[in-house]
């Protein structure tokens, strides 16, 4: 069942990836992918020379079809760090069903499978095609190889939770300064998610585009109790990503808004002034600081073992 697609983007793309008309997606060819080993996952290179020669003969040069990549999740910390430029960027949420309706049969959208060796069924398909030499076996082999080439990556990339869109028909692509671009209408864009470190100018620009498009705006937040980001809606209420969608959590801290399993305040927001007074009274470093000895103490401790 089609859900949402999430495109992580750097802040300098705010005025390029979004406009009052919708969004613009950039497409790349397989030889431009960030994983140089993707196309190696279609055949076992330890096969005998005659098998590899047959594979090379019937598969031929791999066709280069324009591809764009999404994540299935908007709360992946490494994705925010890499593609979202350490939280200074943003994420576009796209409704997959609407996108499919726009593109029709000109595209294939599927999850990426993560593995470090070719699938066993590919080896069987290749052996069958080589042994039987039937037209349909070669047809099925080619289809399997193409799908593996475009929808398989090494397991070290599994954190991306990637879902790809591959264009069979690239006639609608526009080429600008070496980039292949495809515009999608505003109804395909359902939300814009602002990074936790986004600057005021970029945020203002994105909120303006979101207002033109008529989509929701969420702010990504890093809590103190969980490494997974949560989100704030326009009304300040909390949201989490669960079961394929951004939705209201069952419970959230009434002070900081971070989602909770139980209770109305998180552990940090339950700290009272009295707790802080007791902690300060029990901190021996305060005594050193009050008498001007703290800096010397730290220097002497740091010098231990260095002489």
C-alpha atoms as a PDB file:
ATOM      1  CA  UNK A   1       0.000   0.000   0.000  1.00  0.00           C
ATOM      2  CA  UNK A   2       1.412   3.373  -1.043  1.00  0.00           C
ATOM      3  CA  UNK A   3       2.283   5.772   1.767  1.00  0.00           C
ATOM      4  CA  UNK A   4       4.532   8.796   1.987  1.00  0.00           C
ATOM      5  CA  UNK A   5       7.937   9.425   0.451  1.00  0.00           C
ATOM      6  CA  UNK A   6      10.480  11.647   2.179  1.00  0.00           C
ATOM      7  CA  UNK A   7      13.105  13.691   0.349  1.00  0.00           C
ATOM      8  CA  UNK A   8      15.927  15.054   2.528  1.00  0.00           C
ATOM      9  CA  UNK A   9      17.446  18.254   1.143  1.00  0.00           C
ATOM     10  CA  UNK A  10      20.117  20.816   1.981  1.00  0.00           C
ATOM     11  CA  UNK A  11      19.056  24.393   2.889  1.00  0.00           C
ATOM     12  CA  UNK A  12      20.371  25.932  -0.337  1.00  0.00           C
ATOM     13  CA  UNK A  13      17.746  23.940  -2.255  1.00  0.00           C
ATOM     14  CA  UNK A  14      14.802  25.636  -0.538  1.00  0.00           C
ATOM     15  CA  UNK A  15      14.190  27.915  -3.500  1.00  0.00           C
ATOM     16  CA  UNK A  16      14.844  25.209  -6.092  1.00  0.00           C
ATOM     17  CA  UNK A  17      13.075  22.110  -4.805  1.00  0.00           C
ATOM     18  CA  UNK A  18       9.880  23.979  -3.851  1.00  0.00           C
ATOM     19  CA  UNK A  19       7.799  26.675  -5.492  1.00  0.00           C
ATOM     20  CA  UNK A  20       4.200  27.868  -5.349  1.00  0.00           C
ATOM     21  CA  UNK A  21       3.420  25.317  -8.062  1.00  0.00           C
ATOM     22  CA  UNK A  22       4.743  22.245  -6.261  1.00  0.00           C
ATOM     23  CA  UNK A  23       8.106  20.501  -6.078  1.00  0.00           C
ATOM     24  CA  UNK A  24      11.027  19.753  -8.374  1.00  0.00           C
ATOM     25  CA  UNK A  25      12.842  16.430  -8.145  1.00  0.00           C
ATOM     26  CA  UNK A  26      16.397  15.872  -9.342  1.00  0.00           C
ATOM     27  CA  UNK A  27      17.162  12.606 -11.153  1.00  0.00           C
ATOM     28  CA  UNK A  28      20.514  10.869 -11.558  1.00  0.00           C
ATOM     29  CA  UNK A  29      21.831   7.991 -13.650  1.00  0.00           C
ATOM     30  CA  UNK A  30      23.159   4.815 -11.964  1.00  0.00           C
ATOM     31  CA  UNK A  31      26.780   5.694 -12.696  1.00  0.00           C
ATOM     32  CA  UNK A  32      26.269   8.846 -10.582  1.00  0.00           C
ATOM     33  CA  UNK A  33      24.979   7.028  -7.476  1.00  0.00           C
ATOM     34  CA  UNK A  34      26.760   7.469  -4.147  1.00  0.00           C
ATOM     35  CA  UNK A  35      27.317   3.701  -3.812  1.00  0.00           C
ATOM     36  CA  UNK A  36      29.882   2.571  -6.442  1.00  0.00           C
ATOM     37  CA  UNK A  37      29.119  -1.104  -5.773  1.00  0.00           C
ATOM     38  CA  UNK A  38      25.393  -1.129  -6.525  1.00  0.00           C
ATOM     39  CA  UNK A  39      25.713  -2.615  -9.978  1.00  0.00           C
ATOM     40  CA  UNK A  40      27.984  -5.361  -8.610  1.00  0.00           C
ATOM     41  CA  UNK A  41      25.025  -6.968  -6.839  1.00  0.00           C
ATOM     42  CA  UNK A  42      23.508  -8.502  -9.977  1.00  0.00           C
ATOM     43  CA  UNK A  43      25.890 -11.415 -10.582  1.00  0.00           C
ATOM     44  CA  UNK A  44      28.415 -13.450  -8.606  1.00  0.00           C
ATOM     45  CA  UNK A  45      31.798 -12.481 -10.058  1.00  0.00           C
ATOM     46  CA  UNK A  46      33.218 -15.816  -8.927  1.00  0.00           C
ATOM     47  CA  UNK A  47      31.181 -17.677 -11.535  1.00  0.00           C
ATOM     48  CA  UNK A  48      33.176 -19.559 -14.226  1.00  0.00           C
ATOM     49  CA  UNK A  49      34.283 -17.512 -17.256  1.00  0.00           C
ATOM     50  CA  UNK A  50      31.768 -19.204 -19.578  1.00  0.00           C
ATOM     51  CA  UNK A  51      28.863 -18.227 -17.285  1.00  0.00           C
ATOM     52  CA  UNK A  52      30.091 -14.652 -16.948  1.00  0.00           C
ATOM     53  CA  UNK A  53      30.568 -14.462 -20.731  1.00  0.00           C
ATOM     54  CA  UNK A  54      26.979 -15.643 -21.245  1.00  0.00           C
ATOM     55  CA  UNK A  55      25.735 -13.101 -18.674  1.00  0.00           C
ATOM     56  CA  UNK A  56      27.668 -10.331 -20.411  1.00  0.00           C
ATOM     57  CA  UNK A  57      26.293 -11.406 -23.776  1.00  0.00           C
ATOM     58  CA  UNK A  58      22.583 -11.559 -22.916  1.00  0.00           C
ATOM     59  CA  UNK A  59      22.466  -8.636 -20.475  1.00  0.00           C
ATOM     60  CA  UNK A  60      24.700  -6.296 -22.463  1.00  0.00           C
ATOM     61  CA  UNK A  61      25.444  -2.808 -21.226  1.00  0.00           C
ATOM     62  CA  UNK A  62      23.205  -1.788 -18.357  1.00  0.00           C
ATOM     63  CA  UNK A  63      20.648   0.767 -19.473  1.00  0.00           C
ATOM     64  CA  UNK A  64      20.911   4.106 -17.727  1.00  0.00           C
ATOM     65  CA  UNK A  65      17.466   5.148 -16.499  1.00  0.00           C
ATOM     66  CA  UNK A  66      16.917   8.382 -14.539  1.00  0.00           C
ATOM     67  CA  UNK A  67      16.427   7.665 -10.855  1.00  0.00           C
ATOM     68  CA  UNK A  68      15.549   9.677  -7.766  1.00  0.00           C
ATOM     69  CA  UNK A  69      15.748   8.465  -4.189  1.00  0.00           C
ATOM     70  CA  UNK A  70      13.531   8.911  -1.143  1.00  0.00           C
ATOM     71  CA  UNK A  71      13.429   7.555   2.377  1.00  0.00           C
ATOM     72  CA  UNK A  72      10.415   5.829   3.883  1.00  0.00           C
ATOM     73  CA  UNK A  73      11.042   7.651   7.182  1.00  0.00           C
ATOM     74  CA  UNK A  74      11.447  11.370   8.031  1.00  0.00           C
ATOM     75  CA  UNK A  75      13.184  10.774  11.375  1.00  0.00           C
ATOM     76  CA  UNK A  76      16.452   9.079  10.352  1.00  0.00           C
ATOM     77  CA  UNK A  77      19.246  10.905  12.200  1.00  0.00           C
ATOM     78  CA  UNK A  78      22.057  10.066   9.700  1.00  0.00           C
ATOM     79  CA  UNK A  79      19.854  11.247   6.820  1.00  0.00           C
ATOM     80  CA  UNK A  80      19.278  14.561   8.582  1.00  0.00           C
ATOM     81  CA  UNK A  81      23.027  14.774   9.169  1.00  0.00           C
ATOM     82  CA  UNK A  82      24.105  13.930   5.614  1.00  0.00           C
ATOM     83  CA  UNK A  83      21.439  15.052   3.175  1.00  0.00           C
ATOM     84  CA  UNK A  84      19.768  17.527   5.539  1.00  0.00           C
ATOM     85  CA  UNK A  85      23.149  19.124   6.268  1.00  0.00           C
ATOM     86  CA  UNK A  86      23.223  18.557  10.023  1.00  0.00           C
ATOM     87  CA  UNK A  87      19.629  19.568  10.489  1.00  0.00           C
ATOM     88  CA  UNK A  88      20.023  22.877   8.659  1.00  0.00           C
ATOM     89  CA  UNK A  89      17.990  21.570   5.715  1.00  0.00           C
ATOM     90  CA  UNK A  90      14.496  20.230   5.281  1.00  0.00           C
ATOM     91  CA  UNK A  91      12.409  17.288   4.119  1.00  0.00           C
ATOM     92  CA  UNK A  92       9.606  17.235   1.577  1.00  0.00           C
ATOM     93  CA  UNK A  93       6.810  14.741   2.239  1.00  0.00           C
ATOM     94  CA  UNK A  94       5.275  13.424  -0.980  1.00  0.00           C
ATOM     95  CA  UNK A  95       2.153  11.324  -1.317  1.00  0.00           C
ATOM     96  CA  UNK A  96       3.180   8.283  -3.326  1.00  0.00           C
ATOM     97  CA  UNK A  97      -0.316   7.483  -4.621  1.00  0.00           C
ATOM     98  CA  UNK A  98      -0.668  10.996  -6.046  1.00  0.00           C
ATOM     99  CA  UNK A  99       2.789  10.828  -7.590  1.00  0.00           C
ATOM    100  CA  UNK A 100       2.028   7.465  -9.196  1.00  0.00           C
ATOM    101  CA  UNK A 101      -1.197   8.865 -10.624  1.00  0.00           C
ATOM    102  CA  UNK A 102       0.741  11.727 -12.212  1.00  0.00           C
ATOM    103  CA  UNK A 103       3.504   9.574 -13.709  1.00  0.00           C
ATOM    104  CA  UNK A 104       1.419   6.561 -14.695  1.00  0.00           C
ATOM    105  CA  UNK A 105       3.272   3.742 -16.430  1.00  0.00           C
ATOM    106  CA  UNK A 106       6.364   5.872 -17.014  1.00  0.00           C
ATOM    107  CA  UNK A 107       7.867   4.943 -13.656  1.00  0.00           C
ATOM    108  CA  UNK A 108       8.621   2.155 -11.223  1.00  0.00           C
ATOM    109  CA  UNK A 109       8.630   2.850  -7.470  1.00  0.00           C
ATOM    110  CA  UNK A 110       9.918   0.222  -5.069  1.00  0.00           C
ATOM    111  CA  UNK A 111      11.844  -0.327  -1.843  1.00  0.00           C
ATOM    112  CA  UNK A 112      15.591  -0.829  -1.965  1.00  0.00           C
ATOM    113  CA  UNK A 113      16.765  -4.230  -0.710  1.00  0.00           C
ATOM    114  CA  UNK A 114      19.988  -4.257   1.294  1.00  0.00           C
ATOM    115  CA  UNK A 115      22.431  -7.130   0.883  1.00  0.00           C
ATOM    116  CA  UNK A 116      26.131  -7.787   0.309  1.00  0.00           C
ATOM    117  CA  UNK A 117      25.898 -10.454  -2.376  1.00  0.00           C
ATOM    118  CA  UNK A 118      23.634 -11.180  -5.357  1.00  0.00           C
ATOM    119  CA  UNK A 119      20.306 -12.852  -4.589  1.00  0.00           C
ATOM    120  CA  UNK A 120      20.173 -16.638  -4.980  1.00  0.00           C
ATOM    121  CA  UNK A 121      17.276 -16.447  -7.422  1.00  0.00           C
ATOM    122  CA  UNK A 122      19.453 -14.413  -9.804  1.00  0.00           C
ATOM    123  CA  UNK A 123      22.019 -17.218  -9.877  1.00  0.00           C
ATOM    124  CA  UNK A 124      19.261 -19.729 -10.591  1.00  0.00           C
ATOM    125  CA  UNK A 125      17.793 -17.562 -13.312  1.00  0.00           C
ATOM    126  CA  UNK A 126      21.209 -17.170 -14.954  1.00  0.00           C
ATOM    127  CA  UNK A 127      21.923 -20.917 -14.795  1.00  0.00           C
ATOM    128  CA  UNK A 128      18.515 -21.707 -16.294  1.00  0.00           C
ATOM    129  CA  UNK A 129      18.966 -19.223 -19.131  1.00  0.00           C
ATOM    130  CA  UNK A 130      22.456 -20.491 -19.939  1.00  0.00           C
ATOM    131  CA  UNK A 131      21.452 -24.166 -19.853  1.00  0.00           C
ATOM    132  CA  UNK A 132      18.088 -24.025 -21.645  1.00  0.00           C
ATOM    133  CA  UNK A 133      18.812 -21.077 -23.985  1.00  0.00           C
ATOM    134  CA  UNK A 134      15.131 -20.191 -24.269  1.00  0.00           C
ATOM    135  CA  UNK A 135      13.899 -16.743 -25.214  1.00  0.00           C
ATOM    136  CA  UNK A 136      11.641 -16.400 -22.170  1.00  0.00           C
ATOM    137  CA  UNK A 137      14.417 -17.403 -19.744  1.00  0.00           C
ATOM    138  CA  UNK A 138      16.626 -14.606 -21.050  1.00  0.00           C
ATOM    139  CA  UNK A 139      13.674 -12.206 -20.820  1.00  0.00           C
ATOM    140  CA  UNK A 140      13.054 -13.095 -17.160  1.00  0.00           C
ATOM    141  CA  UNK A 141      16.782 -12.925 -16.398  1.00  0.00           C
ATOM    142  CA  UNK A 142      17.106  -9.435 -17.878  1.00  0.00           C
ATOM    143  CA  UNK A 143      14.107  -8.172 -15.898  1.00  0.00           C
ATOM    144  CA  UNK A 144      15.520  -9.615 -12.674  1.00  0.00           C
ATOM    145  CA  UNK A 145      18.949  -8.120 -13.294  1.00  0.00           C
ATOM    146  CA  UNK A 146      17.556  -4.692 -14.063  1.00  0.00           C
ATOM    147  CA  UNK A 147      15.427  -4.703 -10.915  1.00  0.00           C
ATOM    148  CA  UNK A 148      18.389  -5.817  -8.812  1.00  0.00           C
ATOM    149  CA  UNK A 149      20.600  -3.141 -10.349  1.00  0.00           C
ATOM    150  CA  UNK A 150      18.191  -0.340  -9.491  1.00  0.00           C
ATOM    151  CA  UNK A 151      16.704  -1.599  -6.238  1.00  0.00           C
ATOM    152  CA  UNK A 152      19.610  -3.280  -4.405  1.00  0.00           C
ATOM    153  CA  UNK A 153      22.313  -1.662  -2.262  1.00  0.00           C
ATOM    154  CA  UNK A 154      24.978  -2.893   0.126  1.00  0.00           C
ATOM    155  CA  UNK A 155      23.766  -3.474   3.675  1.00  0.00           C
ATOM    156  CA  UNK A 156      25.912  -0.637   5.059  1.00  0.00           C
ATOM    157  CA  UNK A 157      23.366   1.767   3.522  1.00  0.00           C
ATOM    158  CA  UNK A 158      20.337   0.201   5.222  1.00  0.00           C
ATOM    159  CA  UNK A 159      19.897   3.161   7.592  1.00  0.00           C
ATOM    160  CA  UNK A 160      18.603   5.176   4.633  1.00  0.00           C
ATOM    161  CA  UNK A 161      15.391   3.080   4.448  1.00  0.00           C
ATOM    162  CA  UNK A 162      15.396   3.975   0.778  1.00  0.00           C
ATOM    163  CA  UNK A 163      12.587   3.838  -1.737  1.00  0.00           C
ATOM    164  CA  UNK A 164      13.370   4.684  -5.370  1.00  0.00           C
ATOM    165  CA  UNK A 165      11.573   6.062  -8.354  1.00  0.00           C
ATOM    166  CA  UNK A 166      12.965   4.980 -11.738  1.00  0.00           C
ATOM    167  CA  UNK A 167      11.680   6.613 -14.922  1.00  0.00           C
ATOM    168  CA  UNK A 168      11.123   4.369 -17.924  1.00  0.00           C
ATOM    169  CA  UNK A 169      10.187   7.365 -20.017  1.00  0.00           C
ATOM    170  CA  UNK A 170      12.294  10.470 -19.427  1.00  0.00           C
ATOM    171  CA  UNK A 171      10.603  12.750 -21.960  1.00  0.00           C
ATOM    172  CA  UNK A 172       9.260  15.080 -19.225  1.00  0.00           C
ATOM    173  CA  UNK A 173      12.679  15.714 -17.724  1.00  0.00           C
ATOM    174  CA  UNK A 174      14.108  19.204 -18.061  1.00  0.00           C
ATOM    175  CA  UNK A 175      17.892  19.588 -18.177  1.00  0.00           C
ATOM    176  CA  UNK A 176      19.257  22.661 -16.414  1.00  0.00           C
ATOM    177  CA  UNK A 177      22.989  23.229 -15.877  1.00  0.00           C
ATOM    178  CA  UNK A 178      23.686  19.524 -16.154  1.00  0.00           C
ATOM    179  CA  UNK A 179      20.886  18.511 -13.766  1.00  0.00           C
ATOM    180  CA  UNK A 180      17.875  16.417 -14.847  1.00  0.00           C
ATOM    181  CA  UNK A 181      14.736  17.800 -13.227  1.00  0.00           C
ATOM    182  CA  UNK A 182      11.079  16.783 -13.052  1.00  0.00           C
ATOM    183  CA  UNK A 183       8.327  19.057 -11.734  1.00  0.00           C
ATOM    184  CA  UNK A 184       5.475  17.520  -9.755  1.00  0.00           C
ATOM    185  CA  UNK A 185       2.223  19.373  -8.956  1.00  0.00           C
ATOM    186  CA  UNK A 186       1.415  20.842  -5.571  1.00  0.00           C
ATOM    187  CA  UNK A 187      -1.179  18.242  -4.595  1.00  0.00           C
ATOM    188  CA  UNK A 188       1.593  15.621  -4.452  1.00  0.00           C
ATOM    189  CA  UNK A 189       3.359  17.577  -1.694  1.00  0.00           C
ATOM    190  CA  UNK A 190       1.681  16.934   1.659  1.00  0.00           C
ATOM    191  CA  UNK A 191       4.164  18.430   4.141  1.00  0.00           C
ATOM    192  CA  UNK A 192       7.426  20.278   4.604  1.00  0.00           C
ATOM    193  CA  UNK A 193       9.567  19.322   7.602  1.00  0.00           C
ATOM    194  CA  UNK A 194      12.023  21.916   8.883  1.00  0.00           C
ATOM    195  CA  UNK A 195      15.369  20.727  10.241  1.00  0.00           C
ATOM    196  CA  UNK A 196      16.184  21.226  13.923  1.00  0.00           C
ATOM    197  CA  UNK A 197      19.026  23.659  13.055  1.00  0.00           C
ATOM    198  CA  UNK A 198      17.382  25.501  10.178  1.00  0.00           C
ATOM    199  CA  UNK A 199      18.073  29.238   9.975  1.00  0.00           C
ATOM    200  CA  UNK A 200      15.364  31.890  10.069  1.00  0.00           C
ATOM    201  CA  UNK A 201      15.622  32.897   6.398  1.00  0.00           C
ATOM    202  CA  UNK A 202      15.352  29.347   5.081  1.00  0.00           C
ATOM    203  CA  UNK A 203      12.502  28.620   7.465  1.00  0.00           C
ATOM    204  CA  UNK A 204      10.608  31.718   6.342  1.00  0.00           C
ATOM    205  CA  UNK A 205      11.076  30.817   2.690  1.00  0.00           C
ATOM    206  CA  UNK A 206       9.852  27.242   3.195  1.00  0.00           C
ATOM    207  CA  UNK A 207       6.839  28.327   5.237  1.00  0.00           C
ATOM    208  CA  UNK A 208       5.896  30.716   2.443  1.00  0.00           C
ATOM    209  CA  UNK A 209       6.081  27.949  -0.165  1.00  0.00           C
ATOM    210  CA  UNK A 210       4.115  25.608   2.086  1.00  0.00           C
ATOM    211  CA  UNK A 211       1.388  28.236   2.455  1.00  0.00           C
ATOM    212  CA  UNK A 212       1.195  28.590  -1.345  1.00  0.00           C
ATOM    213  CA  UNK A 213       1.037  24.828  -1.797  1.00  0.00           C
ATOM    214  CA  UNK A 214      -1.423  24.378   1.052  1.00  0.00           C
ATOM    215  CA  UNK A 215       0.537  21.694   2.870  1.00  0.00           C
ATOM    216  CA  UNK A 216       1.400  21.140   6.535  1.00  0.00           C
ATOM    217  CA  UNK A 217       4.638  22.377   8.104  1.00  0.00           C
ATOM    218  CA  UNK A 218       6.398  20.419  10.839  1.00  0.00           C
ATOM    219  CA  UNK A 219       9.487  21.295  12.840  1.00  0.00           C
ATOM    220  CA  UNK A 220      11.965  18.522  13.587  1.00  0.00           C
ATOM    221  CA  UNK A 221      13.016  18.449  17.234  1.00  0.00           C
ATOM    222  CA  UNK A 222      15.780  16.587  19.054  1.00  0.00           C
ATOM    223  CA  UNK A 223      14.565  15.535  22.486  1.00  0.00           C
ATOM    224  CA  UNK A 224      16.536  14.600  25.606  1.00  0.00           C
ATOM    225  CA  UNK A 225      15.025  11.170  26.174  1.00  0.00           C
ATOM    226  CA  UNK A 226      15.160   9.532  22.756  1.00  0.00           C
ATOM    227  CA  UNK A 227      17.639   9.646  19.876  1.00  0.00           C
ATOM    228  CA  UNK A 228      14.805   9.625  17.316  1.00  0.00           C
ATOM    229  CA  UNK A 229      13.583  13.128  16.399  1.00  0.00           C
ATOM    230  CA  UNK A 230       9.990  14.139  16.963  1.00  0.00           C
ATOM    231  CA  UNK A 231       8.024  16.914  15.288  1.00  0.00           C
ATOM    232  CA  UNK A 232       5.965  19.954  16.185  1.00  0.00           C
ATOM    233  CA  UNK A 233       2.907  20.863  14.129  1.00  0.00           C
ATOM    234  CA  UNK A 234       1.966  24.450  13.302  1.00  0.00           C
ATOM    235  CA  UNK A 235      -0.182  24.661  16.439  1.00  0.00           C
ATOM    236  CA  UNK A 236       2.750  23.576  18.629  1.00  0.00           C
ATOM    237  CA  UNK A 237       1.406  20.090  19.325  1.00  0.00           C
ATOM    238  CA  UNK A 238       3.718  17.087  19.146  1.00  0.00           C
ATOM    239  CA  UNK A 239       3.921  14.532  16.358  1.00  0.00           C
ATOM    240  CA  UNK A 240       5.794  11.266  15.831  1.00  0.00           C
ATOM    241  CA  UNK A 241       6.425   9.079  12.821  1.00  0.00           C
ATOM    242  CA  UNK A 242       4.663   5.756  13.350  1.00  0.00           C
ATOM    243  CA  UNK A 243       3.211   3.103  11.054  1.00  0.00           C
ATOM    244  CA  UNK A 244       4.223   5.006   7.936  1.00  0.00           C
ATOM    245  CA  UNK A 245       2.766   8.396   8.807  1.00  0.00           C
ATOM    246  CA  UNK A 246       3.325  11.488  10.932  1.00  0.00           C
ATOM    247  CA  UNK A 247       0.659  11.415  13.626  1.00  0.00           C
ATOM    248  CA  UNK A 248      -0.138  12.486  17.191  1.00  0.00           C
ATOM    249  CA  UNK A 249       1.631  10.492  19.903  1.00  0.00           C
ATOM    250  CA  UNK A 250      -0.349   8.722  22.581  1.00  0.00           C
ATOM    251  CA  UNK A 251       1.355  10.854  25.190  1.00  0.00           C
ATOM    252  CA  UNK A 252       3.725  13.837  25.339  1.00  0.00           C
ATOM    253  CA  UNK A 253       5.482  15.942  27.950  1.00  0.00           C
ATOM    254  CA  UNK A 254       3.319  18.944  28.849  1.00  0.00           C
ATOM    255  CA  UNK A 255       6.429  21.146  29.201  1.00  0.00           C
ATOM    256  CA  UNK A 256       8.840  20.308  26.347  1.00  0.00           C
ATOM    257  CA  UNK A 257       6.455  18.367  24.081  1.00  0.00           C
ATOM    258  CA  UNK A 258       8.668  15.297  23.726  1.00  0.00           C
ATOM    259  CA  UNK A 259       6.609  12.112  23.192  1.00  0.00           C
ATOM    260  CA  UNK A 260       6.366   9.846  26.253  1.00  0.00           C
ATOM    261  CA  UNK A 261       5.426   6.264  26.949  1.00  0.00           C
ATOM    262  CA  UNK A 262       3.615   7.280  30.141  1.00  0.00           C
ATOM    263  CA  UNK A 263       3.142  10.243  32.466  1.00  0.00           C
ATOM    264  CA  UNK A 264       2.616  13.919  31.680  1.00  0.00           C
ATOM    265  CA  UNK A 265       6.214  15.106  32.109  1.00  0.00           C
ATOM    266  CA  UNK A 266       9.520  13.677  30.938  1.00  0.00           C
ATOM    267  CA  UNK A 267      12.293  12.874  33.416  1.00  0.00           C
ATOM    268  CA  UNK A 268      14.102  16.162  32.794  1.00  0.00           C
ATOM    269  CA  UNK A 269      11.018  18.332  33.141  1.00  0.00           C
ATOM    270  CA  UNK A 270      10.160  16.639  36.442  1.00  0.00           C
ATOM    271  CA  UNK A 271      13.279  18.167  38.043  1.00  0.00           C
ATOM    272  CA  UNK A 272      12.259  20.748  40.678  1.00  0.00           C
ATOM    273  CA  UNK A 273      14.225  23.706  42.069  1.00  0.00           C
ATOM    274  CA  UNK A 274      14.647  21.768  45.308  1.00  0.00           C
ATOM    275  CA  UNK A 275      16.302  18.932  43.378  1.00  0.00           C
ATOM    276  CA  UNK A 276      18.750  21.382  41.841  1.00  0.00           C
ATOM    277  CA  UNK A 277      19.513  22.963  45.239  1.00  0.00           C
ATOM    278  CA  UNK A 278      20.329  19.548  46.731  1.00  0.00           C
ATOM    279  CA  UNK A 279      22.490  18.626  43.707  1.00  0.00           C
ATOM    280  CA  UNK A 280      24.413  21.907  44.037  1.00  0.00           C
ATOM    281  CA  UNK A 281      24.967  21.345  47.745  1.00  0.00           C
ATOM    282  CA  UNK A 282      26.317  17.860  47.059  1.00  0.00           C
ATOM    283  CA  UNK A 283      28.702  18.958  44.280  1.00  0.00           C
ATOM    284  CA  UNK A 284      32.237  19.167  45.764  1.00  0.00           C
ATOM    285  CA  UNK A 285      33.535  21.063  42.752  1.00  0.00           C
ATOM    286  CA  UNK A 286      31.455  24.065  43.877  1.00  0.00           C
ATOM    287  CA  UNK A 287      33.558  24.257  47.033  1.00  0.00           C
ATOM    288  CA  UNK A 288      36.752  24.308  44.949  1.00  0.00           C
ATOM    289  CA  UNK A 289      35.306  26.966  42.664  1.00  0.00           C
ATOM    290  CA  UNK A 290      34.206  29.173  45.583  1.00  0.00           C
ATOM    291  CA  UNK A 291      37.753  29.135  46.985  1.00  0.00           C
ATOM    292  CA  UNK A 292      39.422  29.636  43.594  1.00  0.00           C
ATOM    293  CA  UNK A 293      41.014  26.166  43.459  1.00  0.00           C
ATOM    294  CA  UNK A 294      38.974  24.528  40.680  1.00  0.00           C
ATOM    295  CA  UNK A 295      41.130  25.570  37.715  1.00  0.00           C
ATOM    296  CA  UNK A 296      44.352  24.447  39.427  1.00  0.00           C
ATOM    297  CA  UNK A 297      42.745  21.161  40.430  1.00  0.00           C
ATOM    298  CA  UNK A 298      41.695  20.391  36.842  1.00  0.00           C
ATOM    299  CA  UNK A 299      45.159  21.290  35.511  1.00  0.00           C
ATOM    300  CA  UNK A 300      46.860  19.031  38.050  1.00  0.00           C
ATOM    301  CA  UNK A 301      44.530  16.140  37.239  1.00  0.00           C
ATOM    302  CA  UNK A 302      45.094  16.609  33.500  1.00  0.00           C
ATOM    303  CA  UNK A 303      48.869  16.493  34.017  1.00  0.00           C
ATOM    304  CA  UNK A 304      48.787  13.060  35.699  1.00  0.00           C
ATOM    305  CA  UNK A 305      50.536  10.527  33.521  1.00  0.00           C
ATOM    306  CA  UNK A 306      51.900  13.115  31.089  1.00  0.00           C
ATOM    307  CA  UNK A 307      55.277  13.547  32.783  1.00  0.00           C
END
